[in-house]
Amino acid sequence: FAASGETAVSVRPHDITLSALNGSGVPREPGDAEGRVERQTYLGAYRDYLVALDDGQSVRVVAPLAVDVPAGGRVRLKFPPESCRALAR
């Protein structure tokens, strides 16, 4: 892969951390993204989210039951670098 530039990245939905944004002004870290919950589905042992990122992309996230953000809620996603894989174009 090239040393710089843009590339697509793959990460498993259960490796992404989702948390509600509550206006606390916590600064973003590299690898973070913000967006709005498009849908949330309860699936027994976890919740399945579809999040529309601020840049227009959509991301699927699997979160524990303790995380409960309704559709329309603002969220921050953390993508752990060790779980991300660059994809060849």
PDB file of N, CA and C in Angstrom:
ATOM      1  N   PHE A   1       0.830  -1.186   0.000  1.00  0.00           N
ATOM      2  CA  PHE A   1       0.000   0.000   0.000  1.00  0.00           C
ATOM      3  C   PHE A   1       0.872   1.247   0.000  1.00  0.00           C
ATOM      4  N   ALA A   2       0.326   2.321  -0.532  1.00  0.00           N
ATOM      5  CA  ALA A   2       1.044   3.593  -0.578  1.00  0.00           C
ATOM      6  C   ALA A   2       1.221   4.147   0.835  1.00  0.00           C
ATOM      7  N   ALA A   3       2.246   4.948   1.024  1.00  0.00           N
ATOM      8  CA  ALA A   3       2.534   5.525   2.332  1.00  0.00           C
ATOM      9  C   ALA A   3       1.564   6.646   2.700  1.00  0.00           C
ATOM     10  N   SER A   4       0.863   7.187   1.706  1.00  0.00           N
ATOM     11  CA  SER A   4      -0.094   8.260   1.995  1.00  0.00           C
ATOM     12  C   SER A   4      -1.246   8.199   0.997  1.00  0.00           C
ATOM     13  N   GLY A   5      -2.267   8.980   1.267  1.00  0.00           N
ATOM     14  CA  GLY A   5      -3.430   9.013   0.386  1.00  0.00           C
ATOM     15  C   GLY A   5      -4.623   8.340   1.043  1.00  0.00           C
ATOM     16  N   GLU A   6      -5.705   8.191   0.294  1.00  0.00           N
ATOM     17  CA  GLU A   6      -6.922   7.598   0.818  1.00  0.00           C
ATOM     18  C   GLU A   6      -7.057   6.148   0.387  1.00  0.00           C
ATOM     19  N   THR A   7      -7.695   5.352   1.235  1.00  0.00           N
ATOM     20  CA  THR A   7      -7.992   3.960   0.901  1.00  0.00           C
ATOM     21  C   THR A   7      -9.240   3.534   1.674  1.00  0.00           C
ATOM     22  N   ALA A   8      -9.884   2.501   1.210  1.00  0.00           N
ATOM     23  CA  ALA A   8     -11.018   1.940   1.944  1.00  0.00           C
ATOM     24  C   ALA A   8     -10.490   1.106   3.106  1.00  0.00           C
ATOM     25  N   VAL A   9     -11.258   1.079   4.197  1.00  0.00           N
ATOM     26  CA  VAL A   9     -10.866   0.333   5.385  1.00  0.00           C
ATOM     27  C   VAL A   9     -12.008  -0.588   5.783  1.00  0.00           C
ATOM     28  N   SER A  10     -11.667  -1.796   6.185  1.00  0.00           N
ATOM     29  CA  SER A  10     -12.655  -2.767   6.654  1.00  0.00           C
ATOM     30  C   SER A  10     -12.446  -3.006   8.144  1.00  0.00           C
ATOM     31  N   VAL A  11     -13.567  -3.053   8.869  1.00  0.00           N
ATOM     32  CA  VAL A  11     -13.522  -3.363  10.302  1.00  0.00           C
ATOM     33  C   VAL A  11     -14.817  -4.092  10.646  1.00  0.00           C
ATOM     34  N   ARG A  12     -14.733  -5.084  11.500  1.00  0.00           N
ATOM     35  CA  ARG A  12     -15.922  -5.859  11.872  1.00  0.00           C
ATOM     36  C   ARG A  12     -16.858  -5.015  12.732  1.00  0.00           C
ATOM     37  N   PRO A  13     -18.172  -5.152  12.527  1.00  0.00           N
ATOM     38  CA  PRO A  13     -19.139  -4.329  13.268  1.00  0.00           C
ATOM     39  C   PRO A  13     -19.032  -4.440  14.784  1.00  0.00           C
ATOM     40  N   HIS A  14     -18.635  -5.607  15.306  1.00  0.00           N
ATOM     41  CA  HIS A  14     -18.534  -5.768  16.765  1.00  0.00           C
ATOM     42  C   HIS A  14     -17.242  -5.204  17.343  1.00  0.00           C
ATOM     43  N   ASP A  15     -16.301  -4.777  16.479  1.00  0.00           N
ATOM     44  CA  ASP A  15     -15.058  -4.167  16.954  1.00  0.00           C
ATOM     45  C   ASP A  15     -15.172  -2.651  17.104  1.00  0.00           C
ATOM     46  N   ILE A  16     -16.232  -2.060  16.571  1.00  0.00           N
ATOM     47  CA  ILE A  16     -16.444  -0.616  16.643  1.00  0.00           C
ATOM     48  C   ILE A  16     -17.151  -0.297  17.964  1.00  0.00           C
ATOM     49  N   THR A  17     -16.685   0.741  18.644  1.00  0.00           N
ATOM     50  CA  THR A  17     -17.319   1.184  19.885  1.00  0.00           C
ATOM     51  C   THR A  17     -18.248   2.349  19.582  1.00  0.00           C
ATOM     52  N   LEU A  18     -19.502   2.246  20.038  1.00  0.00           N
ATOM     53  CA  LEU A  18     -20.509   3.280  19.826  1.00  0.00           C
ATOM     54  C   LEU A  18     -20.862   3.899  21.164  1.00  0.00           C
ATOM     55  N   SER A  19     -20.905   5.235  21.219  1.00  0.00           N
ATOM     56  CA  SER A  19     -21.329   5.916  22.436  1.00  0.00           C
ATOM     57  C   SER A  19     -22.157   7.140  22.058  1.00  0.00           C
ATOM     58  N   ALA A  20     -23.118   7.464  22.911  1.00  0.00           N
ATOM     59  CA  ALA A  20     -23.979   8.618  22.677  1.00  0.00           C
ATOM     60  C   ALA A  20     -23.184   9.898  22.856  1.00  0.00           C
ATOM     61  N   LEU A  21     -23.477  10.885  22.008  1.00  0.00           N
ATOM     62  CA  LEU A  21     -22.899  12.222  22.186  1.00  0.00           C
ATOM     63  C   LEU A  21     -23.867  13.015  23.045  1.00  0.00           C
ATOM     64  N   ASN A  22     -23.366  13.565  24.111  1.00  0.00           N
ATOM     65  CA  ASN A  22     -24.242  14.304  25.015  1.00  0.00           C
ATOM     66  C   ASN A  22     -23.868  15.767  25.112  1.00  0.00           C
ATOM     67  N   GLY A  23     -23.102  16.254  24.138  1.00  0.00           N
ATOM     68  CA  GLY A  23     -22.739  17.666  24.133  1.00  0.00           C
ATOM     69  C   GLY A  23     -21.667  18.038  25.130  1.00  0.00           C
ATOM     70  N   SER A  24     -20.933  17.042  25.645  1.00  0.00           N
ATOM     71  CA  SER A  24     -19.926  17.317  26.665  1.00  0.00           C
ATOM     72  C   SER A  24     -18.661  17.950  26.087  1.00  0.00           C
ATOM     73  N   GLY A  25     -18.550  18.013  24.766  1.00  0.00           N
ATOM     74  CA  GLY A  25     -17.391  18.649  24.157  1.00  0.00           C
ATOM     75  C   GLY A  25     -16.132  17.829  24.240  1.00  0.00           C
ATOM     76  N   VAL A  26     -16.244  16.520  24.418  1.00  0.00           N
ATOM     77  CA  VAL A  26     -15.065  15.659  24.461  1.00  0.00           C
ATOM     78  C   VAL A  26     -14.413  15.685  23.081  1.00  0.00           C
ATOM     79  N   PRO A  27     -13.125  16.030  23.009  1.00  0.00           N
ATOM     80  CA  PRO A  27     -12.486  16.114  21.690  1.00  0.00           C
ATOM     81  C   PRO A  27     -12.411  14.757  20.997  1.00  0.00           C
ATOM     82  N   ARG A  28     -12.520  14.797  19.679  1.00  0.00           N
ATOM     83  CA  ARG A  28     -12.377  13.571  18.899  1.00  0.00           C
ATOM     84  C   ARG A  28     -10.919  13.172  18.858  1.00  0.00           C
ATOM     85  N   GLU A  29     -10.697  11.890  18.773  1.00  0.00           N
ATOM     86  CA  GLU A  29      -9.358  11.348  18.621  1.00  0.00           C
ATOM     87  C   GLU A  29      -9.213  10.829  17.202  1.00  0.00           C
ATOM     88  N   PRO A  30      -7.975  10.653  16.716  1.00  0.00           N
ATOM     89  CA  PRO A  30      -7.812  10.053  15.389  1.00  0.00           C
ATOM     90  C   PRO A  30      -8.512   8.696  15.352  1.00  0.00           C
ATOM     91  N   GLY A  31      -9.232   8.432  14.304  1.00  0.00           N
ATOM     92  CA  GLY A  31      -9.948   7.170  14.183  1.00  0.00           C
ATOM     93  C   GLY A  31     -11.380   7.249  14.660  1.00  0.00           C
ATOM     94  N   ASP A  32     -11.790   8.385  15.246  1.00  0.00           N
ATOM     95  CA  ASP A  32     -13.178   8.582  15.669  1.00  0.00           C
ATOM     96  C   ASP A  32     -13.999   9.134  14.507  1.00  0.00           C
ATOM     97  N   ALA A  33     -15.293   8.886  14.547  1.00  0.00           N
ATOM     98  CA  ALA A  33     -16.232   9.471  13.585  1.00  0.00           C
ATOM     99  C   ALA A  33     -17.524   9.763  14.326  1.00  0.00           C
ATOM    100  N   GLU A  34     -18.275  10.737  13.834  1.00  0.00           N
ATOM    101  CA  GLU A  34     -19.555  11.079  14.441  1.00  0.00           C
ATOM    102  C   GLU A  34     -20.663  10.948  13.417  1.00  0.00           C
ATOM    103  N   GLY A  35     -21.871  10.648  13.913  1.00  0.00           N
ATOM    104  CA  GLY A  35     -22.995  10.494  13.017  1.00  0.00           C
ATOM    105  C   GLY A  35     -24.301  10.405  13.779  1.00  0.00           C
ATOM    106  N   ARG A  36     -25.337   9.964  13.070  1.00  0.00           N
ATOM    107  CA  ARG A  36     -26.683   9.872  13.617  1.00  0.00           C
ATOM    108  C   ARG A  36     -27.201   8.456  13.411  1.00  0.00           C
ATOM    109  N   VAL A  37     -27.850   7.897  14.427  1.00  0.00           N
ATOM    110  CA  VAL A  37     -28.422   6.550  14.339  1.00  0.00           C
ATOM    111  C   VAL A  37     -29.601   6.578  13.366  1.00  0.00           C
ATOM    112  N   GLU A  38     -29.518   5.753  12.324  1.00  0.00           N
ATOM    113  CA  GLU A  38     -30.625   5.628  11.374  1.00  0.00           C
ATOM    114  C   GLU A  38     -31.630   4.590  11.855  1.00  0.00           C
ATOM    115  N   ARG A  39     -31.105   3.510  12.436  1.00  0.00           N
ATOM    116  CA  ARG A  39     -31.987   2.485  12.991  1.00  0.00           C
ATOM    117  C   ARG A  39     -31.238   1.730  14.066  1.00  0.00           C
ATOM    118  N   GLN A  40     -32.012   1.175  14.990  1.00  0.00           N
ATOM    119  CA  GLN A  40     -31.464   0.349  16.056  1.00  0.00           C
ATOM    120  C   GLN A  40     -32.370  -0.865  16.169  1.00  0.00           C
ATOM    121  N   THR A  41     -31.774  -2.045  16.176  1.00  0.00           N
ATOM    122  CA  THR A  41     -32.551  -3.278  16.261  1.00  0.00           C
ATOM    123  C   THR A  41     -32.081  -4.093  17.457  1.00  0.00           C
ATOM    124  N   TYR A  42     -33.011  -4.446  18.333  1.00  0.00           N
ATOM    125  CA  TYR A  42     -32.718  -5.297  19.490  1.00  0.00           C
ATOM    126  C   TYR A  42     -32.641  -6.735  18.994  1.00  0.00           C
ATOM    127  N   LEU A  43     -31.525  -7.402  19.269  1.00  0.00           N
ATOM    128  CA  LEU A  43     -31.333  -8.778  18.817  1.00  0.00           C
ATOM    129  C   LEU A  43     -30.987  -9.715  19.966  1.00  0.00           C
ATOM    130  N   GLY A  44     -31.647  -9.558  21.090  1.00  0.00           N
ATOM    131  CA  GLY A  44     -31.443 -10.466  22.212  1.00  0.00           C
ATOM    132  C   GLY A  44     -30.217 -10.127  23.028  1.00  0.00           C
ATOM    133  N   ALA A  45     -29.067 -10.624  22.636  1.00  0.00           N
ATOM    134  CA  ALA A  45     -27.844 -10.429  23.396  1.00  0.00           C
ATOM    135  C   ALA A  45     -27.122  -9.117  23.053  1.00  0.00           C
ATOM    136  N   TYR A  46     -27.550  -8.425  22.015  1.00  0.00           N
ATOM    137  CA  TYR A  46     -26.902  -7.180  21.605  1.00  0.00           C
ATOM    138  C   TYR A  46     -27.873  -6.339  20.780  1.00  0.00           C
ATOM    139  N   ARG A  47     -27.426  -5.135  20.419  1.00  0.00           N
ATOM    140  CA  ARG A  47     -28.193  -4.250  19.548  1.00  0.00           C
ATOM    141  C   ARG A  47     -27.398  -4.033  18.269  1.00  0.00           C
ATOM    142  N   ASP A  48     -28.121  -4.000  17.163  1.00  0.00           N
ATOM    143  CA  ASP A  48     -27.529  -3.785  15.847  1.00  0.00           C
ATOM    144  C   ASP A  48     -27.915  -2.373  15.398  1.00  0.00           C
ATOM    145  N   TYR A  49     -26.922  -1.554  15.085  1.00  0.00           N
ATOM    146  CA  TYR A  49     -27.146  -0.158  14.696  1.00  0.00           C
ATOM    147  C   TYR A  49     -26.732   0.069  13.253  1.00  0.00           C
ATOM    148  N   LEU A  50     -27.449   0.967  12.578  1.00  0.00           N
ATOM    149  CA  LEU A  50     -27.010   1.528  11.311  1.00  0.00           C
ATOM    150  C   LEU A  50     -26.815   3.008  11.570  1.00  0.00           C
ATOM    151  N   VAL A  51     -25.586   3.487  11.367  1.00  0.00           N
ATOM    152  CA  VAL A  51     -25.234   4.866  11.680  1.00  0.00           C
ATOM    153  C   VAL A  51     -24.853   5.588  10.396  1.00  0.00           C
ATOM    154  N   ALA A  52     -25.485   6.736  10.151  1.00  0.00           N
ATOM    155  CA  ALA A  52     -25.124   7.602   9.029  1.00  0.00           C
ATOM    156  C   ALA A  52     -24.051   8.562   9.531  1.00  0.00           C
ATOM    157  N   LEU A  53     -22.843   8.434   8.994  1.00  0.00           N
ATOM    158  CA  LEU A  53     -21.753   9.309   9.408  1.00  0.00           C
ATOM    159  C   LEU A  53     -21.943  10.703   8.823  1.00  0.00           C
ATOM    160  N   ASP A  54     -21.296  11.674   9.434  1.00  0.00           N
ATOM    161  CA  ASP A  54     -21.413  13.055   8.980  1.00  0.00           C
ATOM    162  C   ASP A  54     -20.879  13.251   7.564  1.00  0.00           C
ATOM    163  N   ASP A  55     -20.005  12.351   7.095  1.00  0.00           N
ATOM    164  CA  ASP A  55     -19.464  12.482   5.734  1.00  0.00           C
ATOM    165  C   ASP A  55     -20.335  11.787   4.679  1.00  0.00           C
ATOM    166  N   GLY A  56     -21.497  11.239   5.098  1.00  0.00           N
ATOM    167  CA  GLY A  56     -22.424  10.628   4.157  1.00  0.00           C
ATOM    168  C   GLY A  56     -22.352   9.112   4.058  1.00  0.00           C
ATOM    169  N   GLN A  57     -21.342   8.496   4.632  1.00  0.00           N
ATOM    170  CA  GLN A  57     -21.227   7.041   4.612  1.00  0.00           C
ATOM    171  C   GLN A  57     -22.089   6.433   5.713  1.00  0.00           C
ATOM    172  N   SER A  58     -22.438   5.159   5.566  1.00  0.00           N
ATOM    173  CA  SER A  58     -23.182   4.432   6.588  1.00  0.00           C
ATOM    174  C   SER A  58     -22.326   3.309   7.138  1.00  0.00           C
ATOM    175  N   VAL A  59     -22.468   3.059   8.441  1.00  0.00           N
ATOM    176  CA  VAL A  59     -21.681   2.038   9.118  1.00  0.00           C
ATOM    177  C   VAL A  59     -22.608   1.200   9.978  1.00  0.00           C
ATOM    178  N   ARG A  60     -22.424  -0.113   9.941  1.00  0.00           N
ATOM    179  CA  ARG A  60     -23.166  -1.019  10.811  1.00  0.00           C
ATOM    180  C   ARG A  60     -22.317  -1.288  12.039  1.00  0.00           C
ATOM    181  N   VAL A  61     -22.952  -1.223  13.222  1.00  0.00           N
ATOM    182  CA  VAL A  61     -22.257  -1.415  14.490  1.00  0.00           C
ATOM    183  C   VAL A  61     -23.061  -2.388  15.349  1.00  0.00           C
ATOM    184  N   VAL A  62     -22.379  -3.328  15.985  1.00  0.00           N
ATOM    185  CA  VAL A  62     -23.004  -4.233  16.942  1.00  0.00           C
ATOM    186  C   VAL A  62     -22.533  -3.789  18.326  1.00  0.00           C
ATOM    187  N   ALA A  63     -23.498  -3.491  19.218  1.00  0.00           N
ATOM    188  CA  ALA A  63     -23.162  -2.963  20.540  1.00  0.00           C
ATOM    189  C   ALA A  63     -23.840  -3.780  21.621  1.00  0.00           C
ATOM    190  N   PRO A  64     -23.276  -3.782  22.838  1.00  0.00           N
ATOM    191  CA  PRO A  64     -23.918  -4.491  23.949  1.00  0.00           C
ATOM    192  C   PRO A  64     -25.252  -3.842  24.309  1.00  0.00           C
ATOM    193  N   LEU A  65     -26.091  -4.584  25.016  1.00  0.00           N
ATOM    194  CA  LEU A  65     -27.413  -4.082  25.403  1.00  0.00           C
ATOM    195  C   LEU A  65     -27.346  -2.816  26.243  1.00  0.00           C
ATOM    196  N   ALA A  66     -26.280  -2.642  26.994  1.00  0.00           N
ATOM    197  CA  ALA A  66     -26.153  -1.457  27.843  1.00  0.00           C
ATOM    198  C   ALA A  66     -26.119  -0.171  27.024  1.00  0.00           C
ATOM    199  N   VAL A  67     -25.717  -0.263  25.770  1.00  0.00           N
ATOM    200  CA  VAL A  67     -25.718   0.896  24.876  1.00  0.00           C
ATOM    201  C   VAL A  67     -27.095   0.958  24.233  1.00  0.00           C
ATOM    202  N   ASP A  68     -27.827   2.033  24.501  1.00  0.00           N
ATOM    203  CA  ASP A  68     -29.202   2.158  24.005  1.00  0.00           C
ATOM    204  C   ASP A  68     -29.427   3.579  23.508  1.00  0.00           C
ATOM    205  N   VAL A  69     -29.130   3.801  22.224  1.00  0.00           N
ATOM    206  CA  VAL A  69     -29.313   5.108  21.602  1.00  0.00           C
ATOM    207  C   VAL A  69     -30.447   4.980  20.589  1.00  0.00           C
ATOM    208  N   PRO A  70     -31.479   5.795  20.710  1.00  0.00           N
ATOM    209  CA  PRO A  70     -32.624   5.686  19.799  1.00  0.00           C
ATOM    210  C   PRO A  70     -32.297   6.224  18.410  1.00  0.00           C
ATOM    211  N   ALA A  71     -33.118   5.858  17.430  1.00  0.00           N
ATOM    212  CA  ALA A  71     -32.986   6.399  16.082  1.00  0.00           C
ATOM    213  C   ALA A  71     -33.034   7.919  16.167  1.00  0.00           C
ATOM    214  N   GLY A  72     -32.151   8.562  15.446  1.00  0.00           N
ATOM    215  CA  GLY A  72     -32.052  10.016  15.464  1.00  0.00           C
ATOM    216  C   GLY A  72     -31.011  10.538  16.431  1.00  0.00           C
ATOM    217  N   GLY A  73     -30.543   9.690  17.361  1.00  0.00           N
ATOM    218  CA  GLY A  73     -29.551  10.118  18.349  1.00  0.00           C
ATOM    219  C   GLY A  73     -28.178  10.304  17.727  1.00  0.00           C
ATOM    220  N   ARG A  74     -27.444  11.282  18.244  1.00  0.00           N
ATOM    221  CA  ARG A  74     -26.078  11.538  17.788  1.00  0.00           C
ATOM    222  C   ARG A  74     -25.123  10.612  18.537  1.00  0.00           C
ATOM    223  N   VAL A  75     -24.146  10.052  17.797  1.00  0.00           N
ATOM    224  CA  VAL A  75     -23.206   9.105  18.379  1.00  0.00           C
ATOM    225  C   VAL A  75     -21.787   9.374  17.895  1.00  0.00           C
ATOM    226  N   ARG A  76     -20.861   8.852  18.670  1.00  0.00           N
ATOM    227  CA  ARG A  76     -19.450   8.834  18.267  1.00  0.00           C
ATOM    228  C   ARG A  76     -19.051   7.375  18.111  1.00  0.00           C
ATOM    229  N   LEU A  77     -18.311   7.092  17.041  1.00  0.00           N
ATOM    230  CA  LEU A  77     -17.790   5.748  16.795  1.00  0.00           C
ATOM    231  C   LEU A  77     -16.284   5.771  16.935  1.00  0.00           C
ATOM    232  N   LYS A  78     -15.745   4.754  17.584  1.00  0.00           N
ATOM    233  CA  LYS A  78     -14.294   4.581  17.700  1.00  0.00           C
ATOM    234  C   LYS A  78     -13.911   3.332  16.925  1.00  0.00           C
ATOM    235  N   PHE A  79     -12.984   3.491  16.012  1.00  0.00           N
ATOM    236  CA  PHE A  79     -12.488   2.401  15.180  1.00  0.00           C
ATOM    237  C   PHE A  79     -11.079   2.052  15.666  1.00  0.00           C
ATOM    238  N   PRO A  80     -10.916   0.969  16.429  1.00  0.00           N
ATOM    239  CA  PRO A  80      -9.590   0.637  16.944  1.00  0.00           C
ATOM    240  C   PRO A  80      -8.630   0.288  15.799  1.00  0.00           C
ATOM    241  N   PRO A  81      -7.492   0.953  15.738  1.00  0.00           N
ATOM    242  CA  PRO A  81      -6.555   0.732  14.629  1.00  0.00           C
ATOM    243  C   PRO A  81      -6.160  -0.738  14.447  1.00  0.00           C
ATOM    244  N   GLU A  82      -6.042  -1.474  15.561  1.00  0.00           N
ATOM    245  CA  GLU A  82      -5.614  -2.872  15.446  1.00  0.00           C
ATOM    246  C   GLU A  82      -6.682  -3.756  14.798  1.00  0.00           C
ATOM    247  N   SER A  83      -7.912  -3.260  14.700  1.00  0.00           N
ATOM    248  CA  SER A  83      -9.002  -4.023  14.073  1.00  0.00           C
ATOM    249  C   SER A  83      -9.288  -3.605  12.640  1.00  0.00           C
ATOM    250  N   CYS A  84      -8.653  -2.529  12.191  1.00  0.00           N
ATOM    251  CA  CYS A  84      -8.894  -2.005  10.844  1.00  0.00           C
ATOM    252  C   CYS A  84      -7.933  -2.611   9.833  1.00  0.00           C
ATOM    253  N   ARG A  85      -8.473  -2.915   8.667  1.00  0.00           N
ATOM    254  CA  ARG A  85      -7.666  -3.491   7.579  1.00  0.00           C
ATOM    255  C   ARG A  85      -7.823  -2.642   6.332  1.00  0.00           C
ATOM    256  N   ALA A  86      -6.703  -2.161   5.792  1.00  0.00           N
ATOM    257  CA  ALA A  86      -6.739  -1.394   4.546  1.00  0.00           C
ATOM    258  C   ALA A  86      -7.046  -2.338   3.390  1.00  0.00           C
ATOM    259  N   LEU A  87      -7.872  -1.897   2.467  1.00  0.00           N
ATOM    260  CA  LEU A  87      -8.244  -2.714   1.311  1.00  0.00           C
ATOM    261  C   LEU A  87      -7.593  -2.176   0.052  1.00  0.00           C
ATOM    262  N   ALA A  88      -7.096  -3.077  -0.761  1.00  0.00           N
ATOM    263  CA  ALA A  88      -6.512  -2.669  -2.048  1.00  0.00           C
ATOM    264  C   ALA A  88      -7.628  -2.179  -2.962  1.00  0.00           C
ATOM    265  N   ARG A  89      -7.323  -1.219  -3.758  1.00  0.00           N
ATOM    266  CA  ARG A  89      -8.318  -0.680  -4.704  1.00  0.00           C
ATOM    267  C   ARG A  89      -8.176  -1.308  -6.050  1.00  0.00           C
TER     268      ARG A  89
END
